[in-house]
Amino acid sequence: MAIILDGSSLAVEKLVQIARYGERVELHPQALERIERCRGMLEEKIRSHEIMYGPE
């Protein structure tokens, strides 16, 4: 069984299983949806040459 990554419940013990023992991971559908929404926002800011942080 895979460890489900949802963006809010990753415990140190699960991270150890992933990093040291190669435990399989999957993204929760809602986490994937948030990632895709954020990526869309970032791509739009890049296209419009919007400054996102730091000096101009």
PDB file of N, CA and C in Angstrom:
ATOM      1  N   MET A   1       0.839  -1.182   0.000  1.00  0.00           N
ATOM      2  CA  MET A   1       0.000   0.000   0.000  1.00  0.00           C
ATOM      3  C   MET A   1       0.889   1.252   0.000  1.00  0.00           C
ATOM      4  N   ALA A   2       0.493   2.275  -0.701  1.00  0.00           N
ATOM      5  CA  ALA A   2       1.264   3.507  -0.827  1.00  0.00           C
ATOM      6  C   ALA A   2       0.906   4.494   0.279  1.00  0.00           C
ATOM      7  N   ILE A   3       1.841   5.368   0.573  1.00  0.00           N
ATOM      8  CA  ILE A   3       1.588   6.487   1.474  1.00  0.00           C
ATOM      9  C   ILE A   3       0.945   7.585   0.635  1.00  0.00           C
ATOM     10  N   ILE A   4      -0.189   8.092   1.090  1.00  0.00           N
ATOM     11  CA  ILE A   4      -0.920   9.127   0.359  1.00  0.00           C
ATOM     12  C   ILE A   4      -0.450  10.491   0.855  1.00  0.00           C
ATOM     13  N   LEU A   5       0.057  11.300  -0.060  1.00  0.00           N
ATOM     14  CA  LEU A   5       0.496  12.659   0.271  1.00  0.00           C
ATOM     15  C   LEU A   5      -0.653  13.617   0.009  1.00  0.00           C
ATOM     16  N   ASP A   6      -1.102  14.288   1.086  1.00  0.00           N
ATOM     17  CA  ASP A   6      -2.240  15.195   0.950  1.00  0.00           C
ATOM     18  C   ASP A   6      -1.882  16.650   1.220  1.00  0.00           C
ATOM     19  N   GLY A   7      -0.631  16.899   1.557  1.00  0.00           N
ATOM     20  CA  GLY A   7      -0.187  18.264   1.790  1.00  0.00           C
ATOM     21  C   GLY A   7      -0.330  18.732   3.220  1.00  0.00           C
ATOM     22  N   SER A   8      -0.818  17.851   4.120  1.00  0.00           N
ATOM     23  CA  SER A   8      -0.973  18.323   5.491  1.00  0.00           C
ATOM     24  C   SER A   8      -0.716  17.269   6.563  1.00  0.00           C
ATOM     25  N   SER A   9      -0.532  16.021   6.209  1.00  0.00           N
ATOM     26  CA  SER A   9      -0.447  15.013   7.268  1.00  0.00           C
ATOM     27  C   SER A   9       0.810  14.135   7.208  1.00  0.00           C
ATOM     28  N   LEU A  10       1.855  14.607   6.572  1.00  0.00           N
ATOM     29  CA  LEU A  10       3.074  13.801   6.471  1.00  0.00           C
ATOM     30  C   LEU A  10       3.824  13.824   7.796  1.00  0.00           C
ATOM     31  N   ALA A  11       3.900  12.691   8.450  1.00  0.00           N
ATOM     32  CA  ALA A  11       4.615  12.558   9.724  1.00  0.00           C
ATOM     33  C   ALA A  11       6.061  12.146   9.449  1.00  0.00           C
ATOM     34  N   VAL A  12       6.926  12.427  10.398  1.00  0.00           N
ATOM     35  CA  VAL A  12       8.339  12.092  10.266  1.00  0.00           C
ATOM     36  C   VAL A  12       8.505  10.594   9.993  1.00  0.00           C
ATOM     37  N   GLU A  13       7.718   9.774  10.653  1.00  0.00           N
ATOM     38  CA  GLU A  13       7.820   8.322  10.476  1.00  0.00           C
ATOM     39  C   GLU A  13       7.529   7.922   9.022  1.00  0.00           C
ATOM     40  N   LYS A  14       6.549   8.570   8.413  1.00  0.00           N
ATOM     41  CA  LYS A  14       6.233   8.267   7.014  1.00  0.00           C
ATOM     42  C   LYS A  14       7.348   8.751   6.093  1.00  0.00           C
ATOM     43  N   LEU A  15       7.912   9.914   6.417  1.00  0.00           N
ATOM     44  CA  LEU A  15       9.016  10.444   5.622  1.00  0.00           C
ATOM     45  C   LEU A  15      10.211   9.493   5.660  1.00  0.00           C
ATOM     46  N   VAL A  16      10.486   8.928   6.813  1.00  0.00           N
ATOM     47  CA  VAL A  16      11.573   7.951   6.945  1.00  0.00           C
ATOM     48  C   VAL A  16      11.282   6.731   6.076  1.00  0.00           C
ATOM     49  N   GLN A  17      10.049   6.253   6.078  1.00  0.00           N
ATOM     50  CA  GLN A  17       9.680   5.105   5.242  1.00  0.00           C
ATOM     51  C   GLN A  17       9.922   5.397   3.767  1.00  0.00           C
ATOM     52  N   ILE A  18       9.610   6.610   3.355  1.00  0.00           N
ATOM     53  CA  ILE A  18       9.783   7.003   1.951  1.00  0.00           C
ATOM     54  C   ILE A  18      11.265   7.137   1.618  1.00  0.00           C
ATOM     55  N   ALA A  19      11.993   7.907   2.426  1.00  0.00           N
ATOM     56  CA  ALA A  19      13.385   8.226   2.130  1.00  0.00           C
ATOM     57  C   ALA A  19      14.332   7.046   2.304  1.00  0.00           C
ATOM     58  N   ARG A  20      14.131   6.267   3.333  1.00  0.00           N
ATOM     59  CA  ARG A  20      15.080   5.187   3.635  1.00  0.00           C
ATOM     60  C   ARG A  20      14.681   3.849   3.038  1.00  0.00           C
ATOM     61  N   TYR A  21      13.397   3.600   2.935  1.00  0.00           N
ATOM     62  CA  TYR A  21      12.951   2.266   2.548  1.00  0.00           C
ATOM     63  C   TYR A  21      12.210   2.228   1.213  1.00  0.00           C
ATOM     64  N   GLY A  22      12.185   3.382   0.516  1.00  0.00           N
ATOM     65  CA  GLY A  22      11.592   3.414  -0.815  1.00  0.00           C
ATOM     66  C   GLY A  22      10.094   3.162  -0.852  1.00  0.00           C
ATOM     67  N   GLU A  23       9.416   3.510   0.242  1.00  0.00           N
ATOM     68  CA  GLU A  23       7.961   3.329   0.287  1.00  0.00           C
ATOM     69  C   GLU A  23       7.307   4.084  -0.872  1.00  0.00           C
ATOM     70  N   ARG A  24       6.359   3.447  -1.498  1.00  0.00           N
ATOM     71  CA  ARG A  24       5.651   4.040  -2.623  1.00  0.00           C
ATOM     72  C   ARG A  24       4.742   5.162  -2.128  1.00  0.00           C
ATOM     73  N   VAL A  25       4.657   6.231  -2.915  1.00  0.00           N
ATOM     74  CA  VAL A  25       3.787   7.361  -2.557  1.00  0.00           C
ATOM     75  C   VAL A  25       2.822   7.656  -3.687  1.00  0.00           C
ATOM     76  N   GLU A  26       1.699   8.249  -3.304  1.00  0.00           N
ATOM     77  CA  GLU A  26       0.699   8.722  -4.267  1.00  0.00           C
ATOM     78  C   GLU A  26       0.207  10.074  -3.788  1.00  0.00           C
ATOM     79  N   LEU A  27      -0.214  10.902  -4.740  1.00  0.00           N
ATOM     80  CA  LEU A  27      -0.805  12.187  -4.387  1.00  0.00           C
ATOM     81  C   LEU A  27      -2.307  12.014  -4.213  1.00  0.00           C
ATOM     82  N   HIS A  28      -2.830  12.614  -3.168  1.00  0.00           N
ATOM     83  CA  HIS A  28      -4.271  12.658  -2.974  1.00  0.00           C
ATOM     84  C   HIS A  28      -4.851  13.520  -4.100  1.00  0.00           C
ATOM     85  N   PRO A  29      -6.010  13.175  -4.659  1.00  0.00           N
ATOM     86  CA  PRO A  29      -6.582  13.958  -5.759  1.00  0.00           C
ATOM     87  C   PRO A  29      -6.730  15.448  -5.445  1.00  0.00           C
ATOM     88  N   GLN A  30      -7.093  15.792  -4.215  1.00  0.00           N
ATOM     89  CA  GLN A  30      -7.241  17.206  -3.867  1.00  0.00           C
ATOM     90  C   GLN A  30      -5.888  17.911  -3.822  1.00  0.00           C
ATOM     91  N   ALA A  31      -4.840  17.207  -3.420  1.00  0.00           N
ATOM     92  CA  ALA A  31      -3.497  17.790  -3.419  1.00  0.00           C
ATOM     93  C   ALA A  31      -3.055  18.057  -4.849  1.00  0.00           C
ATOM     94  N   LEU A  32      -3.311  17.115  -5.736  1.00  0.00           N
ATOM     95  CA  LEU A  32      -2.961  17.295  -7.145  1.00  0.00           C
ATOM     96  C   LEU A  32      -3.716  18.484  -7.737  1.00  0.00           C
ATOM     97  N   GLU A  33      -4.959  18.630  -7.369  1.00  0.00           N
ATOM     98  CA  GLU A  33      -5.774  19.753  -7.839  1.00  0.00           C
ATOM     99  C   GLU A  33      -5.162  21.082  -7.376  1.00  0.00           C
ATOM    100  N   ARG A  34      -4.720  21.155  -6.115  1.00  0.00           N
ATOM    101  CA  ARG A  34      -4.086  22.379  -5.607  1.00  0.00           C
ATOM    102  C   ARG A  34      -2.782  22.670  -6.339  1.00  0.00           C
ATOM    103  N   ILE A  35      -2.002  21.634  -6.614  1.00  0.00           N
ATOM    104  CA  ILE A  35      -0.732  21.802  -7.338  1.00  0.00           C
ATOM    105  C   ILE A  35      -1.000  22.351  -8.735  1.00  0.00           C
ATOM    106  N   GLU A  36      -1.975  21.780  -9.426  1.00  0.00           N
ATOM    107  CA  GLU A  36      -2.293  22.228 -10.783  1.00  0.00           C
ATOM    108  C   GLU A  36      -2.801  23.663 -10.789  1.00  0.00           C
ATOM    109  N   ARG A  37      -3.625  24.029  -9.791  1.00  0.00           N
ATOM    110  CA  ARG A  37      -4.151  25.397  -9.708  1.00  0.00           C
ATOM    111  C   ARG A  37      -3.003  26.380  -9.470  1.00  0.00           C
ATOM    112  N   CYS A  38      -2.077  26.033  -8.582  1.00  0.00           N
ATOM    113  CA  CYS A  38      -0.929  26.888  -8.285  1.00  0.00           C
ATOM    114  C   CYS A  38      -0.020  27.017  -9.502  1.00  0.00           C
ATOM    115  N   ARG A  39       0.197  25.911 -10.189  1.00  0.00           N
ATOM    116  CA  ARG A  39       1.040  25.960 -11.384  1.00  0.00           C
ATOM    117  C   ARG A  39       0.434  26.890 -12.433  1.00  0.00           C
ATOM    118  N   GLY A  40      -0.881  26.811 -12.612  1.00  0.00           N
ATOM    119  CA  GLY A  40      -1.548  27.699 -13.564  1.00  0.00           C
ATOM    120  C   GLY A  40      -1.353  29.160 -13.208  1.00  0.00           C
ATOM    121  N   MET A  41      -1.469  29.478 -11.910  1.00  0.00           N
ATOM    122  CA  MET A  41      -1.268  30.847 -11.458  1.00  0.00           C
ATOM    123  C   MET A  41       0.168  31.296 -11.730  1.00  0.00           C
ATOM    124  N   LEU A  42       1.140  30.438 -11.427  1.00  0.00           N
ATOM    125  CA  LEU A  42       2.541  30.797 -11.660  1.00  0.00           C
ATOM    126  C   LEU A  42       2.842  30.972 -13.142  1.00  0.00           C
ATOM    127  N   GLU A  43       2.299  30.094 -13.982  1.00  0.00           N
ATOM    128  CA  GLU A  43       2.532  30.220 -15.422  1.00  0.00           C
ATOM    129  C   GLU A  43       1.958  31.525 -15.950  1.00  0.00           C
ATOM    130  N   GLU A  44       0.799  31.946 -15.443  1.00  0.00           N
ATOM    131  CA  GLU A  44       0.204  33.211 -15.867  1.00  0.00           C
ATOM    132  C   GLU A  44       1.082  34.384 -15.433  1.00  0.00           C
ATOM    133  N   LYS A  45       1.611  34.339 -14.214  1.00  0.00           N
ATOM    134  CA  LYS A  45       2.488  35.412 -13.743  1.00  0.00           C
ATOM    135  C   LYS A  45       3.775  35.470 -14.574  1.00  0.00           C
ATOM    136  N   ILE A  46       4.297  34.330 -14.958  1.00  0.00           N
ATOM    137  CA  ILE A  46       5.499  34.284 -15.795  1.00  0.00           C
ATOM    138  C   ILE A  46       5.202  34.878 -17.166  1.00  0.00           C
ATOM    139  N   ARG A  47       4.069  34.478 -17.756  1.00  0.00           N
ATOM    140  CA  ARG A  47       3.692  35.020 -19.081  1.00  0.00           C
ATOM    141  C   ARG A  47       3.541  36.533 -19.055  1.00  0.00           C
ATOM    142  N   SER A  48       3.009  37.066 -17.947  1.00  0.00           N
ATOM    143  CA  SER A  48       2.778  38.511 -17.864  1.00  0.00           C
ATOM    144  C   SER A  48       3.983  39.267 -17.305  1.00  0.00           C
ATOM    145  N   HIS A  49       5.095  38.526 -17.071  1.00  0.00           N
ATOM    146  CA  HIS A  49       6.330  39.113 -16.541  1.00  0.00           C
ATOM    147  C   HIS A  49       6.106  39.832 -15.213  1.00  0.00           C
ATOM    148  N   GLU A  50       5.183  39.323 -14.431  1.00  0.00           N
ATOM    149  CA  GLU A  50       4.884  39.903 -13.134  1.00  0.00           C
ATOM    150  C   GLU A  50       5.989  39.555 -12.127  1.00  0.00           C
ATOM    151  N   ILE A  51       6.385  40.534 -11.344  1.00  0.00           N
ATOM    152  CA  ILE A  51       7.373  40.295 -10.302  1.00  0.00           C
ATOM    153  C   ILE A  51       6.662  39.606  -9.146  1.00  0.00           C
ATOM    154  N   MET A  52       7.200  38.453  -8.740  1.00  0.00           N
ATOM    155  CA  MET A  52       6.551  37.701  -7.681  1.00  0.00           C
ATOM    156  C   MET A  52       7.218  37.921  -6.343  1.00  0.00           C
ATOM    157  N   TYR A  53       8.503  38.229  -6.321  1.00  0.00           N
ATOM    158  CA  TYR A  53       9.223  38.544  -5.090  1.00  0.00           C
ATOM    159  C   TYR A  53      10.560  39.114  -5.470  1.00  0.00           C
ATOM    160  N   GLY A  54      11.166  39.796  -4.540  1.00  0.00           N
ATOM    161  CA  GLY A  54      12.491  40.367  -4.776  1.00  0.00           C
ATOM    162  C   GLY A  54      12.433  41.691  -5.517  1.00  0.00           C
ATOM    163  N   PRO A  55      13.584  42.311  -5.662  1.00  0.00           N
ATOM    164  CA  PRO A  55      13.643  43.602  -6.353  1.00  0.00           C
ATOM    165  C   PRO A  55      13.446  43.431  -7.867  1.00  0.00           C
ATOM    166  N   GLU A  56      13.033  44.496  -8.480  1.00  0.00           N
ATOM    167  CA  GLU A  56      12.787  44.508  -9.914  1.00  0.00           C
ATOM    168  C   GLU A  56      14.049  44.461 -10.718  1.00  0.00           C
TER     169      GLU A  56
END
